[in-house]
Amino acid sequence: MLPTPGPTKSPQADAAALYKEPGTETDEFAPTEIR
């Protein structure tokens, strides 16, 4: 996992950022909410 460029607001926000990261949007990591 790549470290966030700024201070994390919350664990959930950090995880959400990782899901939105380009390249990580795969079938295994892309929940139906984002798709």
PDB file of N, CA and C in Angstrom:
ATOM      1  N   MET A   1       0.837  -1.201   0.000  1.00  0.00           N
ATOM      2  CA  MET A   1       0.000   0.000   0.000  1.00  0.00           C
ATOM      3  C   MET A   1       0.878   1.261   0.000  1.00  0.00           C
ATOM      4  N   LEU A   2       0.467   2.246  -0.785  1.00  0.00           N
ATOM      5  CA  LEU A   2       1.244   3.479  -0.854  1.00  0.00           C
ATOM      6  C   LEU A   2       0.827   4.416   0.281  1.00  0.00           C
ATOM      7  N   PRO A   3       1.782   5.049   0.929  1.00  0.00           N
ATOM      8  CA  PRO A   3       1.475   5.972   2.021  1.00  0.00           C
ATOM      9  C   PRO A   3       0.755   7.211   1.503  1.00  0.00           C
ATOM     10  N   THR A   4      -0.133   7.742   2.305  1.00  0.00           N
ATOM     11  CA  THR A   4      -0.888   8.917   1.876  1.00  0.00           C
ATOM     12  C   THR A   4       0.008  10.161   1.907  1.00  0.00           C
ATOM     13  N   PRO A   5      -0.131  11.052   0.940  1.00  0.00           N
ATOM     14  CA  PRO A   5       0.690  12.258   0.843  1.00  0.00           C
ATOM     15  C   PRO A   5       0.403  13.267   1.954  1.00  0.00           C
ATOM     16  N   GLY A   6      -0.723  13.086   2.632  1.00  0.00           N
ATOM     17  CA  GLY A   6      -1.080  14.028   3.691  1.00  0.00           C
ATOM     18  C   GLY A   6      -1.561  13.303   4.928  1.00  0.00           C
ATOM     19  N   PRO A   7      -1.902  14.034   5.980  1.00  0.00           N
ATOM     20  CA  PRO A   7      -2.401  13.436   7.218  1.00  0.00           C
ATOM     21  C   PRO A   7      -3.734  12.738   6.995  1.00  0.00           C
ATOM     22  N   THR A   8      -3.881  11.559   7.540  1.00  0.00           N
ATOM     23  CA  THR A   8      -5.123  10.813   7.356  1.00  0.00           C
ATOM     24  C   THR A   8      -6.205  11.323   8.298  1.00  0.00           C
ATOM     25  N   LYS A   9      -7.381  11.545   7.771  1.00  0.00           N
ATOM     26  CA  LYS A   9      -8.483  12.044   8.596  1.00  0.00           C
ATOM     27  C   LYS A   9      -9.026  10.912   9.482  1.00  0.00           C
ATOM     28  N   SER A  10      -9.130   9.714   8.872  1.00  0.00           N
ATOM     29  CA  SER A  10      -9.632   8.565   9.626  1.00  0.00           C
ATOM     30  C   SER A  10      -9.263   7.292   8.875  1.00  0.00           C
ATOM     31  N   PRO A  11      -9.213   6.163   9.561  1.00  0.00           N
ATOM     32  CA  PRO A  11      -8.887   4.881   8.918  1.00  0.00           C
ATOM     33  C   PRO A  11      -9.797   4.601   7.732  1.00  0.00           C
ATOM     34  N   GLN A  12     -11.068   4.939   7.864  1.00  0.00           N
ATOM     35  CA  GLN A  12     -12.017   4.695   6.777  1.00  0.00           C
ATOM     36  C   GLN A  12     -11.703   5.582   5.577  1.00  0.00           C
ATOM     37  N   ALA A  13     -11.336   6.838   5.848  1.00  0.00           N
ATOM     38  CA  ALA A  13     -11.008   7.762   4.760  1.00  0.00           C
ATOM     39  C   ALA A  13      -9.752   7.290   4.044  1.00  0.00           C
ATOM     40  N   ASP A  14      -8.792   6.771   4.813  1.00  0.00           N
ATOM     41  CA  ASP A  14      -7.556   6.274   4.227  1.00  0.00           C
ATOM     42  C   ASP A  14      -7.850   5.094   3.316  1.00  0.00           C
ATOM     43  N   ALA A  15      -8.683   4.181   3.788  1.00  0.00           N
ATOM     44  CA  ALA A  15      -9.044   3.004   2.993  1.00  0.00           C
ATOM     45  C   ALA A  15      -9.800   3.430   1.732  1.00  0.00           C
ATOM     46  N   ALA A  16     -10.678   4.413   1.878  1.00  0.00           N
ATOM     47  CA  ALA A  16     -11.445   4.895   0.734  1.00  0.00           C
ATOM     48  C   ALA A  16     -10.514   5.496  -0.310  1.00  0.00           C
ATOM     49  N   ALA A  17      -9.486   6.196   0.144  1.00  0.00           N
ATOM     50  CA  ALA A  17      -8.521   6.796  -0.781  1.00  0.00           C
ATOM     51  C   ALA A  17      -7.790   5.710  -1.551  1.00  0.00           C
ATOM     52  N   LEU A  18      -7.461   4.634  -0.866  1.00  0.00           N
ATOM     53  CA  LEU A  18      -6.758   3.542  -1.529  1.00  0.00           C
ATOM     54  C   LEU A  18      -7.659   2.894  -2.580  1.00  0.00           C
ATOM     55  N   TYR A  19      -8.950   2.772  -2.267  1.00  0.00           N
ATOM     56  CA  TYR A  19      -9.886   2.194  -3.232  1.00  0.00           C
ATOM     57  C   TYR A  19     -10.011   3.090  -4.452  1.00  0.00           C
ATOM     58  N   LYS A  20      -9.918   4.394  -4.247  1.00  0.00           N
ATOM     59  CA  LYS A  20     -10.067   5.333  -5.359  1.00  0.00           C
ATOM     60  C   LYS A  20      -8.769   5.502  -6.138  1.00  0.00           C
ATOM     61  N   GLU A  21      -7.668   4.972  -5.590  1.00  0.00           N
ATOM     62  CA  GLU A  21      -6.382   5.079  -6.294  1.00  0.00           C
ATOM     63  C   GLU A  21      -6.449   4.368  -7.643  1.00  0.00           C
ATOM     64  N   PRO A  22      -5.973   4.999  -8.718  1.00  0.00           N
ATOM     65  CA  PRO A  22      -5.962   4.379 -10.045  1.00  0.00           C
ATOM     66  C   PRO A  22      -5.046   3.161 -10.056  1.00  0.00           C
ATOM     67  N   GLY A  23      -5.531   2.044 -10.615  1.00  0.00           N
ATOM     68  CA  GLY A  23      -4.706   0.840 -10.658  1.00  0.00           C
ATOM     69  C   GLY A  23      -5.141  -0.150  -9.595  1.00  0.00           C
ATOM     70  N   THR A  24      -5.741   0.334  -8.527  1.00  0.00           N
ATOM     71  CA  THR A  24      -6.201  -0.568  -7.475  1.00  0.00           C
ATOM     72  C   THR A  24      -7.671  -0.919  -7.675  1.00  0.00           C
ATOM     73  N   GLU A  25      -8.289  -0.295  -8.691  1.00  0.00           N
ATOM     74  CA  GLU A  25      -9.704  -0.571  -8.947  1.00  0.00           C
ATOM     75  C   GLU A  25      -9.849  -1.875  -9.724  1.00  0.00           C
ATOM     76  N   THR A  26      -9.657  -2.982  -9.034  1.00  0.00           N
ATOM     77  CA  THR A  26      -9.787  -4.294  -9.663  1.00  0.00           C
ATOM     78  C   THR A  26     -11.028  -4.990  -9.143  1.00  0.00           C
ATOM     79  N   ASP A  27     -11.388  -6.100  -9.763  1.00  0.00           N
ATOM     80  CA  ASP A  27     -12.578  -6.828  -9.328  1.00  0.00           C
ATOM     81  C   ASP A  27     -12.443  -7.287  -7.878  1.00  0.00           C
ATOM     82  N   GLU A  28     -11.219  -7.523  -7.446  1.00  0.00           N
ATOM     83  CA  GLU A  28     -11.010  -8.013  -6.086  1.00  0.00           C
ATOM     84  C   GLU A  28     -11.111  -6.885  -5.063  1.00  0.00           C
ATOM     85  N   PHE A  29     -10.788  -5.672  -5.479  1.00  0.00           N
ATOM     86  CA  PHE A  29     -10.751  -4.556  -4.529  1.00  0.00           C
ATOM     87  C   PHE A  29     -11.834  -3.525  -4.809  1.00  0.00           C
ATOM     88  N   ALA A  30     -12.667  -3.773  -5.819  1.00  0.00           N
ATOM     89  CA  ALA A  30     -13.705  -2.800  -6.165  1.00  0.00           C
ATOM     90  C   ALA A  30     -15.073  -3.290  -5.713  1.00  0.00           C
ATOM     91  N   PRO A  31     -15.562  -2.782  -4.598  1.00  0.00           N
ATOM     92  CA  PRO A  31     -16.894  -3.141  -4.110  1.00  0.00           C
ATOM     93  C   PRO A  31     -17.977  -2.575  -5.019  1.00  0.00           C
ATOM     94  N   THR A  32     -19.190  -3.047  -4.866  1.00  0.00           N
ATOM     95  CA  THR A  32     -20.285  -2.609  -5.741  1.00  0.00           C
ATOM     96  C   THR A  32     -20.605  -1.135  -5.522  1.00  0.00           C
ATOM     97  N   GLU A  33     -20.218  -0.580  -4.385  1.00  0.00           N
ATOM     98  CA  GLU A  33     -20.530   0.820  -4.097  1.00  0.00           C
ATOM     99  C   GLU A  33     -19.795   1.751  -5.064  1.00  0.00           C
ATOM    100  N   ILE A  34     -18.541   1.419  -5.363  1.00  0.00           N
ATOM    101  CA  ILE A  34     -17.755   2.263  -6.265  1.00  0.00           C
ATOM    102  C   ILE A  34     -18.149   1.990  -7.718  1.00  0.00           C
ATOM    103  N   ARG A  35     -18.410   0.734  -8.021  1.00  0.00           N
ATOM    104  CA  ARG A  35     -18.771   0.372  -9.382  1.00  0.00           C
ATOM    105  C   ARG A  35     -20.206   0.808  -9.641  1.00  0.00           C
TER     106      ARG A  35
END
